[in-house]
Protein backbone atom coordinates (compact mmCIF):
# COMPACT_ATOMS: atom_id res chain seq x y z
CA MET A 1 -28.56 22.67 32.94
CA GLY A 2 -25.79 25.06 33.85
CA THR A 3 -25.34 28.70 34.63
CA ARG A 4 -22.25 30.82 35.10
CA ASN A 5 -22.40 30.40 38.85
CA ASN A 6 -23.52 26.78 38.77
CA PRO A 7 -22.06 24.82 35.83
CA GLY A 8 -24.14 21.86 34.77
CA ARG A 9 -23.11 18.23 34.98
CA PHE A 10 -22.26 18.19 31.26
CA ASP A 11 -20.76 21.68 31.08
CA CYS A 12 -18.05 21.54 28.43
CA ALA A 13 -16.25 24.80 29.28
CA SER A 14 -14.30 23.16 32.07
CA ARG A 15 -13.34 20.24 29.81
CA ALA A 16 -12.16 22.31 26.82
CA GLU A 17 -8.54 21.92 25.81
CA PRO A 18 -6.41 25.03 26.56
CA ASP A 19 -6.65 26.44 23.01
CA GLU A 20 -9.79 24.63 21.85
CA PRO A 21 -12.26 27.00 20.17
CA THR A 22 -15.54 27.43 22.04
CA PHE A 23 -18.70 29.48 21.60
CA THR A 24 -21.02 30.57 24.41
CA LEU A 25 -24.74 31.29 24.03
CA LEU A 26 -26.53 33.45 26.57
CA GLY A 27 -30.17 33.14 27.57
CA ARG A 28 -30.83 36.77 26.65
CA ASP A 29 -30.06 35.99 23.00
CA PRO A 30 -33.41 35.23 21.35
CA ALA A 31 -31.68 32.86 18.90
CA ALA A 32 -29.97 30.82 21.62
CA SER A 33 -32.82 28.46 22.44
CA VAL A 34 -33.33 27.66 18.75
CA VAL A 35 -29.62 26.96 18.26
CA VAL A 36 -29.57 24.61 21.26
CA ARG A 37 -32.68 22.79 19.98
CA VAL A 38 -31.08 22.35 16.55
CA TRP A 39 -27.88 21.05 18.19
CA HIS A 40 -30.02 18.64 20.23
CA ASP A 41 -31.81 17.32 17.14
CA ILE A 42 -28.62 16.87 15.14
CA ARG A 43 -26.81 15.08 17.97
CA ARG A 44 -29.86 12.89 18.63
CA ASP A 45 -30.07 11.91 14.96
CA LEU A 46 -26.35 11.16 14.82
CA GLY A 47 -26.86 8.77 17.73
CA ARG A 48 -23.60 9.69 19.43
CA THR A 49 -24.82 11.56 22.47
CA GLU A 50 -26.03 10.21 25.81
CA SER A 51 -29.71 10.75 26.54
CA GLU A 52 -28.86 12.62 29.75
CA VAL A 53 -26.85 15.16 27.75
CA LEU A 54 -29.71 15.56 25.28
CA ASP A 55 -32.21 15.98 28.12
CA GLU A 56 -30.07 18.70 29.67
CA ALA A 57 -29.77 20.46 26.32
CA MET A 58 -33.56 20.58 25.96
CA GLU A 59 -33.93 21.79 29.55
CA CYS A 60 -31.40 24.52 28.77
CA ALA A 61 -33.23 25.47 25.54
CA ARG A 62 -36.51 25.83 27.43
CA ALA A 63 -34.86 27.92 30.14
CA MET A 64 -33.19 30.14 27.53
CA ALA A 65 -36.51 30.74 25.77
CA GLU A 66 -38.17 31.66 29.08
CA TRP A 67 -35.29 33.98 30.02
CA SER A 68 -35.45 35.70 26.65
CA GLU A 69 -39.24 36.10 26.88
CA GLU A 70 -38.93 37.62 30.36
CA LEU A 71 -36.67 40.25 28.80
CA GLY A 72 -39.39 41.07 26.25
CA LYS A 73 -37.72 39.27 23.33
CA ASP A 74 -39.35 36.74 21.03
CA PRO A 75 -37.19 33.59 21.07
CA TYR A 76 -39.41 31.99 18.42
CA ALA A 77 -38.75 34.66 15.78
CA ALA A 78 -35.41 32.94 15.21
CA VAL A 79 -37.30 29.81 14.13
CA ASP A 80 -38.70 31.63 11.09
CA VAL A 81 -35.24 32.91 10.16
CA TYR A 82 -33.73 29.44 10.58
CA GLN A 83 -36.46 27.82 8.46
CA LYS A 84 -35.85 30.36 5.68
CA GLN A 85 -32.13 29.63 5.80
CA LEU A 86 -32.82 25.91 5.58
CA ARG A 87 -35.11 26.41 2.57
CA ASP A 88 -32.47 28.56 0.85
CA SER A 89 -29.80 25.97 1.63
CA LEU A 90 -31.99 23.21 0.23
CA ARG A 91 -32.59 25.22 -2.96
CA VAL A 92 -28.85 25.62 -3.48
CA ARG A 93 -28.28 21.95 -2.70
CA ARG A 94 -30.97 20.88 -5.16
CA ALA A 95 -29.52 23.18 -7.80
CA VAL A 96 -26.10 21.60 -7.34
CA GLU A 97 -27.58 18.09 -7.46
CA TYR A 98 -29.49 18.87 -10.64
CA ASP A 99 -26.47 20.55 -12.18
CA LEU A 100 -24.36 17.48 -11.40
CA SER A 101 -27.02 15.27 -12.98
CA GLY A 102 -26.34 16.88 -16.35
CA ASP A 103 -28.78 19.79 -16.78
CA ARG A 104 -26.37 22.51 -17.79
CA MET A 105 -28.98 25.29 -17.70
CA LEU A 106 -29.48 25.37 -13.93
CA ARG A 107 -26.05 26.78 -13.18
CA TRP A 108 -27.17 30.09 -14.68
CA PHE A 109 -29.89 30.40 -12.03
CA ALA A 110 -27.44 30.35 -9.11
CA PHE A 111 -27.81 33.43 -6.93
CA GLY A 112 -25.57 32.88 -3.88
CA HIS A 113 -22.80 35.03 -5.36
CA LEU A 114 -25.09 38.05 -5.72
CA PRO A 115 -25.56 40.83 -3.15
CA SER A 116 -28.57 40.19 -0.90
CA ASN A 117 -30.87 42.66 -2.67
CA LEU A 118 -30.23 40.92 -6.01
CA GLN A 119 -30.55 37.48 -4.43
CA GLU A 120 -34.13 38.36 -3.52
CA VAL A 121 -34.80 39.27 -7.16
CA SER A 122 -33.09 36.17 -8.56
CA ARG A 123 -34.29 33.54 -6.04
CA PRO A 124 -37.84 33.09 -7.45
CA PHE A 125 -36.41 32.40 -10.91
CA CYS A 126 -34.14 29.71 -9.45
CA ASP A 127 -37.11 28.17 -7.65
CA LEU A 128 -39.13 28.06 -10.86
CA ALA A 129 -36.20 26.66 -12.84
CA LEU A 130 -35.83 23.87 -10.26
CA GLN A 131 -39.55 23.17 -10.48
CA ILE A 132 -39.39 23.00 -14.29
CA VAL A 133 -36.47 20.57 -14.23
CA ALA A 134 -38.13 18.43 -11.57
CA SER A 135 -41.52 18.27 -13.29
CA LEU A 136 -40.78 18.17 -17.04
CA ASP A 137 -38.89 15.58 -19.02
CA PRO A 138 -35.67 16.77 -20.69
CA GLY A 139 -36.13 17.95 -24.23
CA PRO A 140 -35.97 20.93 -26.54
CA GLU A 141 -39.13 22.61 -25.19
CA ARG A 142 -37.93 22.36 -21.58
CA THR A 143 -34.65 23.92 -22.67
CA VAL A 144 -36.52 26.76 -24.39
CA ALA A 145 -38.60 27.29 -21.23
CA LEU A 146 -35.41 27.53 -19.15
CA ARG A 147 -33.75 29.89 -21.64
CA LYS A 148 -36.75 32.23 -21.67
CA LEU A 149 -36.86 32.12 -17.88
CA LEU A 150 -33.14 32.91 -17.81
CA GLU A 151 -33.73 35.92 -20.05
CA ALA A 152 -36.47 37.11 -17.69
CA LYS A 153 -34.23 36.60 -14.65
CA ASP A 154 -31.37 38.55 -16.25
CA ALA A 155 -33.74 41.39 -17.15
CA ALA A 156 -35.15 41.49 -13.61
CA VAL A 157 -31.65 41.63 -12.09
CA ARG A 158 -30.67 44.43 -14.50
CA ALA A 159 -33.90 46.29 -13.62
CA ALA A 160 -32.97 46.06 -9.95
CA LEU A 161 -29.49 47.36 -10.69
CA VAL A 162 -30.71 50.33 -12.75
CA PRO A 163 -34.23 51.31 -11.62
CA GLY A 164 -36.22 52.66 -14.54
CA GLY A 165 -33.51 51.45 -16.93
């Protein structure tokens, strides 16, 4: 594991090309240890990284979490945020997969283009639409269920846009 004054054995800053983009995480950042752990897991699963490098990454993640905690920050709060982002990403991915499989209705439940306050209103309708498509066979009644749900979603978004409207 490296520090500013004592770069680690696998420190990449000294090996970066002159104009190669880099990004530095500091131990005081409560998200840093989570980011390093995610990097570790991805690189491990890709199978392209030496075990010594992975070991040093985990040592660094632990040290970052301890450093952040000593400063009174909660390094594990970032885990909840990251898990929510993964769930949201998976929802969008599933929606795209279902849309590509031929269910034309799901595209109307997309919410990524909306402002964040409207995404929160629209997201549960997308989740339910995905559940309906995953659990019911295609047919006229499923289509009616999706259309009615779409009407409800549109009304909820409009209600959020014009409170009391």
